[in-house]
Amino acid sequence: MSEVRLAAEARTEFGKGAARRTRRAGKIPAVLYGHGSDPKHLALPAIEFARVVREHGQNAVLTLEIDSNSELALTKTVTTHPIKNYIEHVDLLLVQRGEKVNVEVPVVITGEATPGTLVTQDATVIEVSVEALHIPEQFEVSIDGTEAGLQILAKDVKLPAGSELVTDADTLIVAVNVSPTAGDMEGETEGEAAEAPATPESTEE
């Protein structure tokens, strides 16, 4: 993953009111921390940062231009509004070139299993330790032509050279099972109905 340059401004006002004013000005409140330094309160350009996340994912590495200085930072947490879906706040982690960081990387399934199977994905991300400027955007796991009974664990995912698995090696990522028949589904529905507690009759006092 390549680094992206982004202009940032130092913030001198804090609190909810100041954050709202920052967003109204077309910027995103952010905090840069790490390496034992005092947190730096920043404002990022909203449109440009949203484009970075869209194109590079939430593990984007930024070269932040702050006044006359530049800082290398990993996008650690992006908080979005639950209803309006705009970015409310960003946490950034100060990193150095050559430094390894722990990040969660999405796992994407490719291909199709054989007919008559049901594919379930138990984990959508795995955590790895990787050099900050070489974070993969995603890991691809192929199930093309696989048959029922296959299980892919975290340790089976191919990692880039120099990276290490942080997630437990035996974490289940993908399972390929026999697809249930219509009869199986009907049996489960009938069983659930039979186990449902009876509704007590109402009584009048």
Protein backbone atom coordinates (compact mmCIF):
# COMPACT_ATOMS: atom_id res chain seq x y z
CA MET A 1 0.00 0.00 0.00
CA SER A 2 1.53 3.30 -1.05
CA GLU A 3 1.58 6.35 1.19
CA VAL A 4 -0.60 9.34 0.38
CA ARG A 5 0.23 12.99 1.02
CA LEU A 6 -2.42 15.02 2.76
CA ALA A 7 -2.40 18.58 4.10
CA ALA A 8 -3.48 18.91 7.73
CA GLU A 9 -4.02 21.81 10.10
CA ALA A 10 -3.35 22.01 13.83
CA ARG A 11 -6.51 22.47 15.93
CA THR A 12 -6.50 24.81 18.91
CA GLU A 13 -10.20 24.43 19.85
CA PHE A 14 -11.56 21.27 21.43
CA GLY A 15 -14.90 19.84 22.52
CA LYS A 16 -18.13 19.01 20.71
CA GLY A 17 -18.83 22.59 19.62
CA ALA A 18 -15.36 22.98 18.15
CA ALA A 19 -15.68 19.61 16.37
CA ARG A 20 -18.97 20.73 14.80
CA ARG A 21 -17.37 23.95 13.59
CA THR A 22 -14.49 21.97 12.10
CA ARG A 23 -16.89 19.72 10.19
CA ARG A 24 -18.94 22.70 8.97
CA ALA A 25 -15.71 24.09 7.51
CA GLY A 26 -15.34 20.93 5.40
CA LYS A 27 -12.73 19.30 7.63
CA ILE A 28 -12.57 16.25 9.90
CA PRO A 29 -11.35 16.41 13.52
CA ALA A 30 -8.42 14.02 14.02
CA VAL A 31 -5.89 13.07 16.69
CA LEU A 32 -2.33 11.92 15.95
CA TYR A 33 -0.62 9.93 18.71
CA GLY A 34 2.14 7.38 19.23
CA HIS A 35 5.84 6.91 20.03
CA GLY A 36 5.37 8.53 23.43
CA SER A 37 4.66 11.96 21.95
CA ASP A 38 1.86 14.24 23.11
CA PRO A 39 -1.33 13.80 21.03
CA LYS A 40 -1.66 16.33 18.22
CA HIS A 41 -5.15 17.61 17.43
CA LEU A 42 -5.57 18.06 13.68
CA ALA A 43 -8.14 18.94 11.04
CA LEU A 44 -8.08 16.89 7.81
CA PRO A 45 -9.71 17.93 4.51
CA ALA A 46 -12.95 15.92 4.45
CA ILE A 47 -13.30 15.28 0.72
CA GLU A 48 -9.64 14.35 0.22
CA PHE A 49 -9.53 12.04 3.25
CA ALA A 50 -12.78 10.28 2.25
CA ARG A 51 -11.22 9.65 -1.17
CA VAL A 52 -8.12 8.15 0.48
CA VAL A 53 -10.22 5.73 2.54
CA ARG A 54 -12.29 4.80 -0.50
CA GLU A 55 -9.24 4.10 -2.66
CA HIS A 56 -6.80 2.71 -0.10
CA GLY A 57 -8.99 1.29 2.68
CA GLN A 58 -9.01 2.12 6.38
CA ASN A 59 -5.37 1.06 6.82
CA ALA A 60 -4.17 3.93 4.63
CA VAL A 61 -0.74 5.36 5.44
CA LEU A 62 -0.57 9.15 5.19
CA THR A 63 2.26 11.62 4.92
CA LEU A 64 0.70 14.52 6.79
CA GLU A 65 1.91 17.99 5.88
CA ILE A 66 1.46 20.01 9.09
CA ASP A 67 2.69 23.59 8.75
CA SER A 68 6.29 23.14 7.62
CA ASN A 69 6.66 19.62 9.02
CA SER A 70 5.64 16.19 7.76
CA GLU A 71 4.58 13.14 9.79
CA LEU A 72 4.03 9.55 8.66
CA ALA A 73 0.79 8.19 10.09
CA LEU A 74 -1.34 5.07 9.89
CA THR A 75 -5.12 5.49 9.79
CA LYS A 76 -6.11 3.60 12.94
CA THR A 77 -9.80 4.35 13.54
CA VAL A 78 -12.39 6.05 11.33
CA THR A 79 -15.63 6.96 13.11
CA THR A 80 -18.64 7.60 10.88
CA HIS A 81 -22.07 8.99 11.72
CA PRO A 82 -24.44 6.02 12.20
CA ILE A 83 -27.24 7.58 10.14
CA LYS A 84 -25.80 10.26 7.85
CA ASN A 85 -22.67 8.20 7.06
CA TYR A 86 -20.18 11.08 7.04
CA ILE A 87 -16.80 10.77 8.80
CA GLU A 88 -17.01 12.27 12.29
CA HIS A 89 -13.52 11.65 13.66
CA VAL A 90 -10.23 9.96 12.81
CA ASP A 91 -7.51 8.48 15.05
CA LEU A 92 -4.05 8.40 13.48
CA LEU A 93 -1.02 6.44 14.71
CA LEU A 94 2.44 7.94 14.28
CA VAL A 95 4.74 5.45 12.51
CA GLN A 96 8.27 5.33 11.17
CA ARG A 97 9.61 3.92 7.93
CA GLY A 98 10.54 0.27 8.37
CA GLU A 99 8.42 -0.04 11.52
CA LYS A 100 6.03 -2.98 11.86
CA VAL A 101 2.44 -2.34 12.92
CA ASN A 102 -0.47 -4.62 13.85
CA VAL A 103 -3.45 -4.14 11.54
CA GLU A 104 -6.64 -5.99 10.63
CA VAL A 105 -6.81 -6.82 6.92
CA PRO A 106 -10.04 -7.88 5.14
CA VAL A 107 -10.29 -11.47 3.87
CA VAL A 108 -12.10 -11.84 0.52
CA ILE A 109 -13.40 -15.16 -0.84
CA THR A 110 -12.90 -15.80 -4.55
CA GLY A 111 -14.20 -18.55 -6.83
CA GLU A 112 -17.11 -20.94 -6.36
CA ALA A 113 -17.28 -24.25 -4.55
CA THR A 114 -18.77 -27.34 -6.21
CA PRO A 115 -22.57 -27.54 -6.61
CA GLY A 116 -24.48 -28.76 -3.58
CA THR A 117 -22.28 -26.99 -1.06
CA LEU A 118 -22.83 -24.11 1.31
CA VAL A 119 -19.96 -21.69 1.94
CA THR A 120 -19.82 -19.78 5.23
CA GLN A 121 -17.24 -17.14 6.16
CA ASP A 122 -16.66 -17.08 9.91
CA ALA A 123 -14.01 -14.32 9.95
CA THR A 124 -13.93 -11.34 7.59
CA VAL A 125 -10.56 -9.97 8.80
CA ILE A 126 -7.30 -11.31 10.20
CA GLU A 127 -4.75 -9.36 12.20
CA VAL A 128 -1.15 -9.33 11.00
CA SER A 129 2.10 -7.62 11.92
CA VAL A 130 3.50 -5.98 8.79
CA GLU A 131 5.78 -3.13 7.74
CA ALA A 132 3.79 0.10 7.75
CA LEU A 133 4.37 0.93 4.10
CA HIS A 134 3.59 -2.60 2.88
CA ILE A 135 0.14 -3.23 4.35
CA PRO A 136 -1.92 -5.35 1.93
CA GLU A 137 -5.36 -3.98 1.07
CA GLN A 138 -6.89 -7.47 1.38
CA PHE A 139 -6.15 -11.19 1.47
CA GLU A 140 -7.81 -13.40 -1.14
CA VAL A 141 -8.85 -16.95 -0.30
CA SER A 142 -9.85 -19.15 -3.24
CA ILE A 143 -12.54 -21.81 -2.82
CA ASP A 144 -12.84 -22.47 -6.54
CA GLY A 145 -13.83 -26.08 -7.16
CA THR A 146 -13.62 -27.10 -3.50
CA GLU A 147 -15.92 -29.76 -2.05
CA ALA A 148 -17.83 -30.15 1.19
CA GLY A 149 -15.64 -30.67 4.23
CA LEU A 150 -13.05 -28.02 3.43
CA GLN A 151 -12.01 -25.66 6.22
CA ILE A 152 -9.63 -22.76 5.75
CA LEU A 153 -7.95 -21.53 8.92
CA ALA A 154 -6.04 -18.30 9.55
CA LYS A 155 -2.75 -20.20 9.24
CA ASP A 156 -3.74 -21.26 5.70
CA VAL A 157 -3.94 -17.67 4.43
CA LYS A 158 -0.89 -16.74 2.37
CA LEU A 159 0.87 -13.73 3.88
CA PRO A 160 3.37 -11.42 2.16
CA ALA A 161 7.05 -11.89 2.92
CA GLY A 162 8.14 -10.28 6.18
CA SER A 163 4.66 -10.27 7.76
CA GLU A 164 3.50 -12.36 10.71
CA LEU A 165 0.10 -13.69 11.73
CA VAL A 166 -1.27 -12.16 14.96
CA THR A 167 -4.72 -13.75 14.86
CA ASP A 168 -4.84 -17.23 16.44
CA ALA A 169 -3.58 -19.66 13.80
CA ASP A 170 -6.54 -22.02 14.25
CA THR A 171 -9.20 -19.33 13.76
CA LEU A 172 -11.76 -20.58 11.23
CA ILE A 173 -12.00 -18.31 8.20
CA VAL A 174 -14.09 -20.28 5.69
CA ALA A 175 -16.01 -23.56 5.86
CA VAL A 176 -17.51 -25.46 2.92
CA ASN A 177 -20.36 -27.74 4.01
CA VAL A 178 -23.04 -29.83 2.35
CA SER A 179 -25.92 -27.56 1.37
CA PRO A 180 -29.10 -28.36 3.37
CA THR A 181 -32.01 -29.79 1.42
CA ALA A 182 -35.57 -28.47 1.44
CA GLY A 183 -36.47 -31.40 3.69
CA ASP A 184 -33.75 -30.42 6.18
CA MET A 185 -35.07 -26.86 6.29
CA GLU A 186 -38.65 -28.04 6.82
CA GLY A 187 -37.51 -30.33 9.63
CA GLU A 188 -35.75 -27.47 11.39
CA THR A 189 -38.84 -25.26 11.06
CA GLU A 190 -41.10 -27.96 12.51
CA GLY A 191 -38.67 -28.58 15.38
CA GLU A 192 -38.56 -24.91 16.27
CA ALA A 193 -42.36 -24.75 16.25
CA ALA A 194 -42.59 -27.75 18.54
CA GLU A 195 -40.10 -26.26 21.00
CA ALA A 196 -41.83 -22.87 21.13
CA PRO A 197 -43.47 -22.32 24.55
CA ALA A 198 -47.24 -22.26 24.58
CA THR A 199 -48.82 -18.84 24.99
CA PRO A 200 -50.69 -18.72 28.30
CA GLU A 201 -54.41 -18.09 28.05
CA SER A 202 -55.48 -14.71 29.30
CA THR A 203 -57.79 -14.65 32.32
CA GLU A 204 -60.18 -11.95 33.38
CA GLU A 205 -60.26 -10.84 36.99
